[in-house]
C-alpha atoms as a PDB file:
ATOM      1  CA  MET A   1     -79.277 -47.733  77.165  1.00  0.00           C
ATOM      2  CA  LYS A   2     -75.654 -47.660  75.941  1.00  0.00           C
ATOM      3  CA  LEU A   3     -74.263 -44.175  75.556  1.00  0.00           C
ATOM      4  CA  THR A   4     -71.425 -43.363  73.181  1.00  0.00           C
ATOM      5  CA  SER A   5     -68.921 -40.486  73.022  1.00  0.00           C
ATOM      6  CA  ILE A   6     -66.096 -39.062  70.957  1.00  0.00           C
ATOM      7  CA  ASP A   7     -63.235 -37.041  72.334  1.00  0.00           C
ATOM      8  CA  LEU A   8     -61.753 -34.247  70.211  1.00  0.00           C
ATOM      9  CA  PHE A   9     -58.285 -32.941  71.096  1.00  0.00           C
ATOM     10  CA  CYS A  10     -58.290 -36.104  73.164  1.00  0.00           C
ATOM     11  CA  GLY A  11     -54.663 -35.972  74.371  1.00  0.00           C
ATOM     12  CA  ALA A  12     -53.925 -38.813  76.749  1.00  0.00           C
ATOM     13  CA  GLY A  13     -57.639 -39.426  77.330  1.00  0.00           C
ATOM     14  CA  GLY A  14     -58.336 -37.916  80.748  1.00  0.00           C
ATOM     15  CA  LEU A  15     -61.781 -36.770  79.604  1.00  0.00           C
ATOM     16  CA  SER A  16     -62.601 -40.087  78.028  1.00  0.00           C
ATOM     17  CA  ILE A  17     -61.540 -42.037  81.129  1.00  0.00           C
ATOM     18  CA  GLY A  18     -63.919 -39.947  83.265  1.00  0.00           C
ATOM     19  CA  LEU A  19     -66.705 -40.328  80.715  1.00  0.00           C
ATOM     20  CA  GLU A  20     -66.299 -44.121  80.614  1.00  0.00           C
ATOM     21  CA  ARG A  21     -66.496 -44.176  84.354  1.00  0.00           C
ATOM     22  CA  ALA A  22     -69.773 -42.189  84.021  1.00  0.00           C
ATOM     23  CA  GLY A  23     -71.250 -44.788  81.618  1.00  0.00           C
ATOM     24  CA  PHE A  24     -70.182 -43.658  78.167  1.00  0.00           C
ATOM     25  CA  THR A  25     -68.333 -45.860  75.693  1.00  0.00           C
ATOM     26  CA  SER A  26     -65.606 -43.941  73.866  1.00  0.00           C
ATOM     27  CA  VAL A  27     -65.682 -44.789  70.212  1.00  0.00           C
ATOM     28  CA  MET A  28     -63.186 -42.239  68.815  1.00  0.00           C
ATOM     29  CA  GLY A  29     -60.313 -40.036  69.910  1.00  0.00           C
ATOM     30  CA  LEU A  30     -58.726 -37.338  67.655  1.00  0.00           C
ATOM     31  CA  ASP A  31     -55.520 -35.437  68.231  1.00  0.00           C
ATOM     32  CA  THR A  32     -52.554 -34.175  66.242  1.00  0.00           C
ATOM     33  CA  ASN A  33     -49.925 -35.380  68.824  1.00  0.00           C
ATOM     34  CA  SER A  34     -48.592 -38.781  67.955  1.00  0.00           C
ATOM     35  CA  ASP A  35     -47.455 -39.588  71.548  1.00  0.00           C
ATOM     36  CA  ALA A  36     -50.898 -38.647  72.912  1.00  0.00           C
ATOM     37  CA  ILE A  37     -52.622 -40.755  70.283  1.00  0.00           C
ATOM     38  CA  SER A  38     -50.370 -43.736  71.156  1.00  0.00           C
ATOM     39  CA  THR A  39     -51.300 -43.256  74.851  1.00  0.00           C
ATOM     40  CA  TYR A  40     -54.952 -42.942  74.031  1.00  0.00           C
ATOM     41  CA  ARG A  41     -54.877 -46.088  71.830  1.00  0.00           C
ATOM     42  CA  GLN A  42     -53.404 -48.123  74.723  1.00  0.00           C
ATOM     43  CA  ALA A  43     -56.070 -46.837  77.086  1.00  0.00           C
ATOM     44  CA  PHE A  44     -58.912 -47.395  74.655  1.00  0.00           C
ATOM     45  CA  PRO A  45     -58.000 -50.248  72.329  1.00  0.00           C
ATOM     46  CA  ASP A  46     -61.576 -50.612  71.061  1.00  0.00           C
ATOM     47  CA  ALA A  47     -61.925 -47.011  70.041  1.00  0.00           C
ATOM     48  CA  GLU A  48     -60.918 -45.599  66.713  1.00  0.00           C
ATOM     49  CA  THR A  49     -57.964 -43.199  66.938  1.00  0.00           C
ATOM     50  CA  VAL A  50     -57.467 -40.413  64.378  1.00  0.00           C
ATOM     51  CA  GLU A  51     -54.105 -38.604  64.235  1.00  0.00           C
ATOM     52  CA  GLN A  52     -54.914 -35.423  62.436  1.00  0.00           C
ATOM     53  CA  SER A  53     -56.218 -31.932  62.849  1.00  0.00           C
ATOM     54  CA  VAL A  54     -59.856 -31.245  63.575  1.00  0.00           C
ATOM     55  CA  ALA A  55     -59.749 -28.661  60.783  1.00  0.00           C
ATOM     56  CA  GLY A  56     -61.046 -30.199  57.593  1.00  0.00           C
ATOM     57  CA  TYR A  57     -62.162 -33.481  59.173  1.00  0.00           C
ATOM     58  CA  ASP A  58     -65.607 -34.634  58.049  1.00  0.00           C
ATOM     59  CA  PHE A  59     -67.485 -35.390  61.209  1.00  0.00           C
ATOM     60  CA  ARG A  60     -70.769 -36.397  59.525  1.00  0.00           C
ATOM     61  CA  GLN A  61     -69.649 -40.025  59.688  1.00  0.00           C
ATOM     62  CA  TRP A  62     -70.140 -39.842  63.512  1.00  0.00           C
ATOM     63  CA  ARG A  63     -73.829 -38.936  63.406  1.00  0.00           C
ATOM     64  CA  GLY A  64     -75.657 -40.992  65.959  1.00  0.00           C
ATOM     65  CA  VAL A  65     -72.987 -40.537  68.687  1.00  0.00           C
ATOM     66  CA  ASP A  66     -74.613 -39.350  71.926  1.00  0.00           C
ATOM     67  CA  LEU A  67     -71.873 -37.047  73.182  1.00  0.00           C
ATOM     68  CA  VAL A  68     -69.125 -34.931  71.634  1.00  0.00           C
ATOM     69  CA  ALA A  69     -66.519 -33.817  74.218  1.00  0.00           C
ATOM     70  CA  GLY A  70     -63.252 -31.971  73.985  1.00  0.00           C
ATOM     71  CA  GLY A  71     -60.904 -29.335  75.227  1.00  0.00           C
ATOM     72  CA  PRO A  72     -59.818 -27.149  72.298  1.00  0.00           C
ATOM     73  CA  PRO A  73     -56.309 -25.697  72.588  1.00  0.00           C
ATOM     74  CA  CYS A  74     -56.274 -23.161  75.403  1.00  0.00           C
ATOM     75  CA  GLN A  75     -53.217 -21.080  74.592  1.00  0.00           C
ATOM     76  CA  PRO A  76     -55.244 -18.337  72.937  1.00  0.00           C
ATOM     77  CA  PHE A  77     -57.016 -17.633  76.245  1.00  0.00           C
ATOM     78  CA  SER A  78     -54.448 -18.715  78.813  1.00  0.00           C
ATOM     79  CA  ASN A  79     -53.449 -16.166  81.407  1.00  0.00           C
ATOM     80  CA  GLY A  80     -49.876 -17.384  80.853  1.00  0.00           C
ATOM     81  CA  GLY A  81     -49.926 -16.754  77.160  1.00  0.00           C
ATOM     82  CA  LYS A  82     -50.273 -13.728  74.812  1.00  0.00           C
ATOM     83  CA  ARG A  83     -54.111 -13.918  74.944  1.00  0.00           C
ATOM     84  CA  PHE A  84     -54.799 -13.388  71.211  1.00  0.00           C
ATOM     85  CA  ALA A  85     -58.043 -15.276  71.418  1.00  0.00           C
ATOM     86  CA  ALA A  86     -59.814 -15.337  68.015  1.00  0.00           C
ATOM     87  CA  ASN A  87     -56.681 -13.791  66.382  1.00  0.00           C
ATOM     88  CA  ASP A  88     -54.591 -16.748  67.439  1.00  0.00           C
ATOM     89  CA  ASP A  89     -54.346 -19.470  64.736  1.00  0.00           C
ATOM     90  CA  ARG A  90     -54.428 -22.072  67.466  1.00  0.00           C
ATOM     91  CA  ASP A  91     -58.023 -21.188  68.284  1.00  0.00           C
ATOM     92  CA  MET A  92     -59.926 -24.412  67.562  1.00  0.00           C
ATOM     93  CA  ILE A  93     -63.186 -23.603  69.338  1.00  0.00           C
ATOM     94  CA  PRO A  94     -64.919 -22.795  66.010  1.00  0.00           C
ATOM     95  CA  GLU A  95     -63.848 -26.192  64.740  1.00  0.00           C
ATOM     96  CA  PHE A  96     -65.209 -27.865  67.844  1.00  0.00           C
ATOM     97  CA  ALA A  97     -68.546 -26.093  67.196  1.00  0.00           C
ATOM     98  CA  ARG A  98     -68.463 -27.277  63.571  1.00  0.00           C
ATOM     99  CA  ALA A  99     -67.943 -30.838  64.734  1.00  0.00           C
ATOM    100  CA  VAL A 100     -70.982 -30.563  67.045  1.00  0.00           C
ATOM    101  CA  ASN A 101     -73.134 -29.057  64.317  1.00  0.00           C
ATOM    102  CA  GLU A 102     -72.164 -31.771  61.818  1.00  0.00           C
ATOM    103  CA  ILE A 103     -72.743 -34.616  64.223  1.00  0.00           C
ATOM    104  CA  MET A 104     -75.717 -33.071  66.127  1.00  0.00           C
ATOM    105  CA  PRO A 105     -75.061 -35.337  69.205  1.00  0.00           C
ATOM    106  CA  ARG A 106     -77.569 -35.361  72.010  1.00  0.00           C
ATOM    107  CA  ALA A 107     -75.108 -33.498  74.149  1.00  0.00           C
ATOM    108  CA  PHE A 108     -71.675 -31.856  74.128  1.00  0.00           C
ATOM    109  CA  ILE A 109     -69.112 -30.890  76.747  1.00  0.00           C
ATOM    110  CA  MET A 110     -66.363 -28.408  76.069  1.00  0.00           C
ATOM    111  CA  GLU A 111     -63.553 -27.644  78.529  1.00  0.00           C
ATOM    112  CA  ASN A 112     -61.170 -24.688  78.424  1.00  0.00           C
ATOM    113  CA  VAL A 113     -59.024 -22.410  80.603  1.00  0.00           C
ATOM    114  CA  ALA A 114     -60.401 -19.822  82.958  1.00  0.00           C
ATOM    115  CA  GLY A 115     -59.126 -17.004  80.717  1.00  0.00           C
ATOM    116  CA  LEU A 116     -62.041 -17.723  78.319  1.00  0.00           C
ATOM    117  CA  LEU A 117     -64.326 -15.938  80.829  1.00  0.00           C
ATOM    118  CA  ALA A 118     -62.063 -12.903  81.266  1.00  0.00           C
ATOM    119  CA  PRO A 119     -63.665  -9.589  80.542  1.00  0.00           C
ATOM    120  CA  ARG A 120     -61.339  -9.041  77.556  1.00  0.00           C
ATOM    121  CA  ASN A 121     -62.898 -12.142  75.888  1.00  0.00           C
ATOM    122  CA  ARG A 122     -66.510 -11.348  76.671  1.00  0.00           C
ATOM    123  CA  GLU A 123     -67.331 -10.379  73.061  1.00  0.00           C
ATOM    124  CA  TYR A 124     -65.601 -13.399  71.691  1.00  0.00           C
ATOM    125  CA  LEU A 125     -67.397 -15.742  74.159  1.00  0.00           C
ATOM    126  CA  GLY A 126     -70.722 -14.443  72.805  1.00  0.00           C
ATOM    127  CA  LYS A 127     -69.569 -15.260  69.310  1.00  0.00           C
ATOM    128  CA  ILE A 128     -68.596 -18.788  70.431  1.00  0.00           C
ATOM    129  CA  LEU A 129     -71.953 -19.496  71.925  1.00  0.00           C
ATOM    130  CA  SER A 130     -73.640 -18.297  68.679  1.00  0.00           C
ATOM    131  CA  LEU A 131     -71.672 -20.857  66.667  1.00  0.00           C
ATOM    132  CA  PHE A 132     -73.591 -23.806  68.058  1.00  0.00           C
ATOM    133  CA  SER A 133     -76.866 -24.877  66.475  1.00  0.00           C
ATOM    134  CA  ASP A 134     -79.962 -23.133  67.773  1.00  0.00           C
ATOM    135  CA  GLY A 135     -81.275 -26.618  68.709  1.00  0.00           C
ATOM    136  CA  TYR A 136     -79.038 -26.775  71.775  1.00  0.00           C
ATOM    137  CA  THR A 137     -79.968 -25.609  75.223  1.00  0.00           C
ATOM    138  CA  MET A 138     -76.713 -24.567  76.842  1.00  0.00           C
ATOM    139  CA  LEU A 139     -75.819 -23.902  80.429  1.00  0.00           C
ATOM    140  CA  SER A 140     -73.942 -20.714  81.035  1.00  0.00           C
ATOM    141  CA  PRO A 141     -70.210 -21.514  80.926  1.00  0.00           C
ATOM    142  CA  ARG A 142     -69.193 -22.422  84.441  1.00  0.00           C
ATOM    143  CA  LEU A 143     -65.891 -21.767  86.155  1.00  0.00           C
ATOM    144  CA  VAL A 144     -64.972 -24.902  88.132  1.00  0.00           C
ATOM    145  CA  ASN A 145     -62.187 -25.828  90.415  1.00  0.00           C
ATOM    146  CA  ALA A 146     -61.256 -29.575  90.168  1.00  0.00           C
ATOM    147  CA  ALA A 147     -60.555 -29.577  93.907  1.00  0.00           C
ATOM    148  CA  ASP A 148     -64.268 -28.959  94.464  1.00  0.00           C
ATOM    149  CA  TYR A 149     -64.929 -32.353  92.833  1.00  0.00           C
ATOM    150  CA  GLY A 150     -62.434 -34.518  94.718  1.00  0.00           C
ATOM    151  CA  VAL A 151     -59.295 -33.947  92.659  1.00  0.00           C
ATOM    152  CA  PRO A 152     -56.132 -33.489  94.919  1.00  0.00           C
ATOM    153  CA  GLN A 153     -55.193 -30.443  92.823  1.00  0.00           C
ATOM    154  CA  LYS A 154     -56.261 -26.836  92.471  1.00  0.00           C
ATOM    155  CA  ARG A 155     -57.179 -26.588  88.749  1.00  0.00           C
ATOM    156  CA  VAL A 156     -59.601 -23.929  87.574  1.00  0.00           C
ATOM    157  CA  ARG A 157     -61.237 -24.407  84.215  1.00  0.00           C
ATOM    158  CA  VAL A 158     -64.319 -23.372  82.214  1.00  0.00           C
ATOM    159  CA  VAL A 159     -66.936 -26.059  81.322  1.00  0.00           C
ATOM    160  CA  LEU A 160     -69.674 -25.535  78.735  1.00  0.00           C
ATOM    161  CA  ILE A 161     -72.506 -28.104  78.412  1.00  0.00           C
ATOM    162  CA  GLY A 162     -75.188 -28.207  75.729  1.00  0.00           C
ATOM    163  CA  LEU A 163     -78.177 -30.573  75.362  1.00  0.00           C
ATOM    164  CA  LEU A 164     -80.232 -31.120  72.192  1.00  0.00           C
ATOM    165  CA  ASN A 165     -83.325 -31.966  74.130  1.00  0.00           C
ATOM    166  CA  GLY A 166     -84.298 -31.451  77.773  1.00  0.00           C
ATOM    167  CA  GLY A 167     -82.447 -29.679  80.542  1.00  0.00           C
ATOM    168  CA  ILE A 168     -79.630 -30.277  82.895  1.00  0.00           C
ATOM    169  CA  ASP A 169     -78.383 -29.043  86.246  1.00  0.00           C
ATOM    170  CA  PHE A 170     -74.678 -28.455  86.595  1.00  0.00           C
ATOM    171  CA  PRO A 171     -73.231 -30.900  89.102  1.00  0.00           C
ATOM    172  CA  SER A 172     -72.882 -29.402  92.544  1.00  0.00           C
ATOM    173  CA  PRO A 173     -69.369 -29.527  94.212  1.00  0.00           C
ATOM    174  CA  THR A 174     -68.758 -32.750  96.141  1.00  0.00           C
ATOM    175  CA  HIS A 175     -66.008 -31.221  98.339  1.00  0.00           C
ATOM    176  CA  THR A 176     -65.468 -28.003 100.212  1.00  0.00           C
ATOM    177  CA  PRO A 177     -62.297 -26.220 101.126  1.00  0.00           C
ATOM    178  CA  GLY A 178     -62.225 -27.779 104.653  1.00  0.00           C
ATOM    179  CA  ARG A 179     -62.697 -31.253 103.207  1.00  0.00           C
ATOM    180  CA  TYR A 180     -60.623 -31.210 100.048  1.00  0.00           C
ATOM    181  CA  VAL A 181     -58.710 -34.308  98.940  1.00  0.00           C
ATOM    182  CA  THR A 182     -55.071 -33.357  99.760  1.00  0.00           C
ATOM    183  CA  ALA A 183     -51.950 -33.883  97.726  1.00  0.00           C
ATOM    184  CA  GLY A 184     -50.777 -36.023 100.711  1.00  0.00           C
ATOM    185  CA  SER A 185     -53.382 -38.630  99.701  1.00  0.00           C
ATOM    186  CA  VAL A 186     -51.191 -39.656  96.850  1.00  0.00           C
ATOM    187  CA  LEU A 187     -47.712 -38.130  97.727  1.00  0.00           C
ATOM    188  CA  ARG A 188     -45.617 -39.016 100.797  1.00  0.00           C
ATOM    189  CA  ARG A 189     -42.270 -37.810 102.030  1.00  0.00           C
ATOM    190  CA  GLY A 190     -39.551 -40.442 101.709  1.00  0.00           C
ATOM    191  CA  GLU A 191     -41.542 -42.448  99.120  1.00  0.00           C
ATOM    192  CA  ILE A 192     -40.834 -41.981  95.319  1.00  0.00           C
ATOM    193  CA  ARG A 193     -43.600 -43.369  93.126  1.00  0.00           C
ATOM    194  CA  GLY A 194     -42.313 -43.986  89.554  1.00  0.00           C
ATOM    195  CA  GLN A 195     -39.000 -42.995  87.994  1.00  0.00           C
ATOM    196  CA  PRO A 196     -37.201 -40.213  89.835  1.00  0.00           C
ATOM    197  CA  ASN A 197     -36.979 -36.794  88.210  1.00  0.00           C
ATOM    198  CA  PRO A 198     -33.355 -35.575  88.322  1.00  0.00           C
ATOM    199  CA  SER A 199     -34.201 -31.891  87.933  1.00  0.00           C
ATOM    200  CA  LYS A 200     -32.761 -29.977  90.908  1.00  0.00           C
ATOM    201  CA  VAL A 201     -34.467 -27.357  93.117  1.00  0.00           C
ATOM    202  CA  VAL A 202     -32.325 -24.217  93.383  1.00  0.00           C
ATOM    203  CA  TYR A 203     -32.887 -21.045  95.416  1.00  0.00           C
ATOM    204  CA  ALA A 204     -34.232 -18.150  93.318  1.00  0.00           C
ATOM    205  CA  LYS A 205     -31.870 -15.139  93.081  1.00  0.00           C
ATOM    206  CA  LYS A 206     -34.819 -12.788  93.371  1.00  0.00           C
ATOM    207  CA  PRO A 207     -37.611 -14.542  95.259  1.00  0.00           C
ATOM    208  CA  ASP A 208     -41.209 -13.560  94.751  1.00  0.00           C
ATOM    209  CA  LEU A 209     -42.399 -13.508  98.355  1.00  0.00           C
ATOM    210  CA  ARG A 210     -46.096 -14.127  99.226  1.00  0.00           C
ATOM    211  CA  PRO A 211     -47.820 -14.573 102.598  1.00  0.00           C
ATOM    212  CA  SER A 212     -47.884 -18.364 102.163  1.00  0.00           C
ATOM    213  CA  PRO A 213     -44.647 -20.392 102.043  1.00  0.00           C
ATOM    214  CA  PHE A 214     -46.260 -22.372  99.193  1.00  0.00           C
ATOM    215  CA  ALA A 215     -47.105 -19.447  97.021  1.00  0.00           C
ATOM    216  CA  GLY A 216     -44.887 -17.075  95.122  1.00  0.00           C
ATOM    217  CA  GLN A 217     -41.576 -18.223  93.718  1.00  0.00           C
ATOM    218  CA  LEU A 218     -38.823 -18.916  96.182  1.00  0.00           C
ATOM    219  CA  PHE A 219     -37.049 -21.331  93.897  1.00  0.00           C
ATOM    220  CA  ASN A 220     -35.992 -21.582  90.281  1.00  0.00           C
ATOM    221  CA  GLY A 221     -38.604 -22.081  87.602  1.00  0.00           C
ATOM    222  CA  GLY A 222     -42.340 -22.377  87.946  1.00  0.00           C
ATOM    223  CA  GLY A 223     -42.376 -25.430  90.109  1.00  0.00           C
ATOM    224  CA  ARG A 224     -43.570 -24.812  93.663  1.00  0.00           C
ATOM    225  CA  ALA A 225     -43.302 -26.714  96.905  1.00  0.00           C
ATOM    226  CA  ILE A 226     -46.402 -28.815  97.484  1.00  0.00           C
ATOM    227  CA  ASN A 227     -48.289 -28.409 100.690  1.00  0.00           C
ATOM    228  CA  LEU A 228     -49.264 -32.016 101.408  1.00  0.00           C
ATOM    229  CA  ASN A 229     -52.155 -30.860 103.631  1.00  0.00           C
ATOM    230  CA  GLN A 230     -53.806 -29.063 100.724  1.00  0.00           C
ATOM    231  CA  PRO A 231     -54.574 -29.859  97.072  1.00  0.00           C
ATOM    232  CA  ALA A 232     -51.469 -29.485  94.913  1.00  0.00           C
ATOM    233  CA  PRO A 233     -50.911 -26.472  92.638  1.00  0.00           C
ATOM    234  CA  THR A 234     -52.077 -26.920  89.025  1.00  0.00           C
ATOM    235  CA  ILE A 235     -49.974 -29.499  87.244  1.00  0.00           C
ATOM    236  CA  LEU A 236     -48.368 -27.732  84.267  1.00  0.00           C
ATOM    237  CA  ALA A 237     -48.010 -29.039  80.747  1.00  0.00           C
ATOM    238  CA  SER A 238     -44.589 -27.505  80.747  1.00  0.00           C
ATOM    239  CA  ALA A 239     -43.413 -29.710  83.696  1.00  0.00           C
ATOM    240  CA  GLY A 240     -40.451 -32.024  83.399  1.00  0.00           C
ATOM    241  CA  GLY A 241     -37.705 -29.590  84.333  1.00  0.00           C
ATOM    242  CA  ASN A 242     -37.736 -26.691  86.787  1.00  0.00           C
ATOM    243  CA  LYS A 243     -41.427 -26.099  86.203  1.00  0.00           C
ATOM    244  CA  THR A 244     -42.197 -29.361  88.006  1.00  0.00           C
ATOM    245  CA  HIS A 245     -43.661 -29.028  91.453  1.00  0.00           C
ATOM    246  CA  PHE A 246     -41.674 -30.601  94.240  1.00  0.00           C
ATOM    247  CA  ILE A 247     -41.951 -32.330  97.578  1.00  0.00           C
ATOM    248  CA  ASP A 248     -40.229 -30.639 100.485  1.00  0.00           C
ATOM    249  CA  GLU A 249     -38.743 -33.803 101.999  1.00  0.00           C
ATOM    250  CA  LEU A 250     -37.048 -32.154 104.945  1.00  0.00           C
ATOM    251  CA  ASP A 251     -39.826 -29.559 105.637  1.00  0.00           C
ATOM    252  CA  GLY A 252     -37.393 -26.733 104.915  1.00  0.00           C
ATOM    253  CA  VAL A 253     -39.681 -24.388 102.925  1.00  0.00           C
ATOM    254  CA  PRO A 254     -41.608 -22.814 105.828  1.00  0.00           C
ATOM    255  CA  PRO A 255     -38.431 -21.926 107.753  1.00  0.00           C
ATOM    256  CA  TYR A 256     -36.793 -20.425 104.636  1.00  0.00           C
ATOM    257  CA  HIS A 257     -39.999 -18.440 103.911  1.00  0.00           C
ATOM    258  CA  LYS A 258     -39.884 -17.051 107.445  1.00  0.00           C
ATOM    259  CA  HIS A 259     -36.261 -16.221 106.954  1.00  0.00           C
ATOM    260  CA  LEU A 260     -37.089 -14.097 103.890  1.00  0.00           C
ATOM    261  CA  TRP A 261     -40.275 -12.621 105.530  1.00  0.00           C
ATOM    262  CA  ASP A 262     -38.149 -11.420 108.449  1.00  0.00           C
ATOM    263  CA  GLY A 263     -35.835  -9.629 106.055  1.00  0.00           C
ATOM    264  CA  GLY A 264     -33.179 -12.324 105.513  1.00  0.00           C
ATOM    265  CA  LYS A 265     -31.187 -12.429 102.298  1.00  0.00           C
ATOM    266  CA  PRO A 266     -31.969 -14.962  99.575  1.00  0.00           C
ATOM    267  CA  ARG A 267     -29.796 -18.063  99.676  1.00  0.00           C
ATOM    268  CA  CYS A 268     -28.012 -19.582  96.679  1.00  0.00           C
ATOM    269  CA  GLY A 269     -27.290 -23.008  95.430  1.00  0.00           C
ATOM    270  CA  GLU A 270     -29.344 -26.164  95.636  1.00  0.00           C
ATOM    271  CA  PHE A 271     -32.245 -26.435  98.126  1.00  0.00           C
ATOM    272  CA  ASP A 272     -31.609 -29.422 100.333  1.00  0.00           C
ATOM    273  CA  GLY A 273     -34.460 -31.829 100.456  1.00  0.00           C
ATOM    274  CA  GLY A 274     -36.375 -30.656  97.396  1.00  0.00           C
ATOM    275  CA  ARG A 275     -37.536 -33.545  95.125  1.00  0.00           C
ATOM    276  CA  ARG A 276     -39.359 -32.945  91.884  1.00  0.00           C
ATOM    277  CA  ILE A 277     -42.502 -35.132  91.527  1.00  0.00           C
ATOM    278  CA  THR A 278     -42.369 -37.917  88.991  1.00  0.00           C
ATOM    279  CA  VAL A 279     -44.558 -38.603  85.934  1.00  0.00           C
ATOM    280  CA  LEU A 280     -46.564 -41.167  87.930  1.00  0.00           C
ATOM    281  CA  GLU A 281     -47.077 -38.770  90.833  1.00  0.00           C
ATOM    282  CA  SER A 282     -48.173 -35.999  88.466  1.00  0.00           C
ATOM    283  CA  ALA A 283     -50.610 -38.497  86.909  1.00  0.00           C
ATOM    284  CA  LEU A 284     -52.026 -39.504  90.328  1.00  0.00           C
ATOM    285  CA  LEU A 285     -52.574 -35.810  91.194  1.00  0.00           C
ATOM    286  CA  GLN A 286     -54.572 -35.619  87.997  1.00  0.00           C
ATOM    287  CA  THR A 287     -56.437 -38.796  89.051  1.00  0.00           C
ATOM    288  CA  PHE A 288     -55.268 -40.923  86.210  1.00  0.00           C
ATOM    289  CA  PRO A 289     -55.224 -44.692  86.963  1.00  0.00           C
ATOM    290  CA  ALA A 290     -52.002 -45.798  88.668  1.00  0.00           C
ATOM    291  CA  ASP A 291     -51.272 -48.335  85.906  1.00  0.00           C
ATOM    292  CA  MET A 292     -51.779 -45.844  83.092  1.00  0.00           C
ATOM    293  CA  LEU A 293     -49.083 -46.007  80.434  1.00  0.00           C
ATOM    294  CA  PHE A 294     -47.949 -42.796  78.754  1.00  0.00           C
ATOM    295  CA  SER A 295     -46.038 -42.864  75.460  1.00  0.00           C
ATOM    296  CA  GLY A 296     -43.084 -40.778  74.347  1.00  0.00           C
ATOM    297  CA  SER A 297     -40.264 -39.045  76.098  1.00  0.00           C
ATOM    298  CA  ARG A 298     -40.462 -38.016  79.756  1.00  0.00           C
ATOM    299  CA  SER A 299     -41.142 -34.375  78.805  1.00  0.00           C
ATOM    300  CA  SER A 300     -43.919 -35.548  76.433  1.00  0.00           C
ATOM    301  CA  GLN A 301     -45.479 -37.613  79.200  1.00  0.00           C
ATOM    302  CA  TYR A 302     -45.457 -34.611  81.609  1.00  0.00           C
ATOM    303  CA  ALA A 303     -47.087 -32.511  78.845  1.00  0.00           C
ATOM    304  CA  GLN A 304     -49.804 -35.043  78.177  1.00  0.00           C
ATOM    305  CA  ILE A 305     -50.593 -35.186  81.902  1.00  0.00           C
ATOM    306  CA  GLY A 306     -50.559 -31.488  82.384  1.00  0.00           C
ATOM    307  CA  ASN A 307     -52.841 -30.896  79.341  1.00  0.00           C
ATOM    308  CA  ALA A 308     -55.426 -33.405  80.459  1.00  0.00           C
ATOM    309  CA  VAL A 309     -58.860 -33.036  82.075  1.00  0.00           C
ATOM    310  CA  PRO A 310     -58.700 -34.793  85.459  1.00  0.00           C
ATOM    311  CA  PRO A 311     -60.663 -38.059  85.025  1.00  0.00           C
ATOM    312  CA  ARG A 312     -62.359 -37.570  88.400  1.00  0.00           C
ATOM    313  CA  LEU A 313     -63.746 -34.208  87.330  1.00  0.00           C
ATOM    314  CA  ALA A 314     -64.777 -35.584  83.956  1.00  0.00           C
ATOM    315  CA  LYS A 315     -66.645 -38.418  85.656  1.00  0.00           C
ATOM    316  CA  VAL A 316     -68.744 -36.058  87.766  1.00  0.00           C
ATOM    317  CA  ILE A 317     -69.667 -33.877  84.754  1.00  0.00           C
ATOM    318  CA  GLY A 318     -70.217 -36.876  82.510  1.00  0.00           C
ATOM    319  CA  ALA A 319     -72.465 -38.587  85.042  1.00  0.00           C
ATOM    320  CA  SER A 320     -74.680 -35.445  85.162  1.00  0.00           C
ATOM    321  CA  VAL A 321     -74.946 -35.513  81.349  1.00  0.00           C
ATOM    322  CA  ALA A 322     -75.674 -39.223  81.346  1.00  0.00           C
ATOM    323  CA  ARG A 323     -78.533 -38.771  83.828  1.00  0.00           C
ATOM    324  CA  ALA A 324     -80.033 -36.006  81.611  1.00  0.00           C
ATOM    325  CA  LEU A 325     -79.744 -38.242  78.540  1.00  0.00           C
ATOM    326  CA  HIS A 326     -81.416 -41.148  80.287  1.00  0.00           C
END
């Protein structure tokens, strides 16, 4: 039986790529970002693409679709934002629920940031769950780390799954901390994949020192050195400049961390051997296909990648839903 899906807030299509690998055919992607829509159109030439807001869109025309999936804007709940939740005009979760209720698909998948489950948002989360039709059986929102499902990146997100008929078990992790897929599976010292990023790595004037050399902030911006023996830190949508993670080509981060830990003074100037990862390398850490084409400027491409659901995670979740629907 052929299963169909639509992707709201589709971005570059990370969620749709994973769902297609799980057996769904993507028939529509909707987003307000023109670069993302262009990227999605190239990846899914047979799907309809809609460049407009979810708000005000009539979803009844998509009745009969098996799955509605999407990641509503997460800024209202992000730990890095102002956390206004329902008071933030970027909160599109009610619109996602409206889409589900108008289409009444056999299942839905909603992805969001971990902050949605924070105690401060507990009351709002209850309101969210009440927005969906009573016909849906919903699993409790799950906090998942993409690394637990084979993604070479630590990325913690909330996933909500609802089924119109029947039940579903949330997919069990496929990987454990001792057997994670590492950043070194796609990144290598001395090998640049894609167009180089010219942004420099500079010593921080006031380092934020943590026990691990790869935590805290020893260098300018939000980009951290990547431990190639572990999953990479979360790829940020704000990457492109000094918030882009980097490869420590000369293995100089651990010695510098020890220098600071032992009471040494912060250094200044450019860090020798620090190389910011490229758009392609960022995409590979997100498990996008190596031949994926992203539209727009370099900063737009980084943003599309950083905003995406890792396709490998989407595949595992999508496959669980597909089994329930079959």
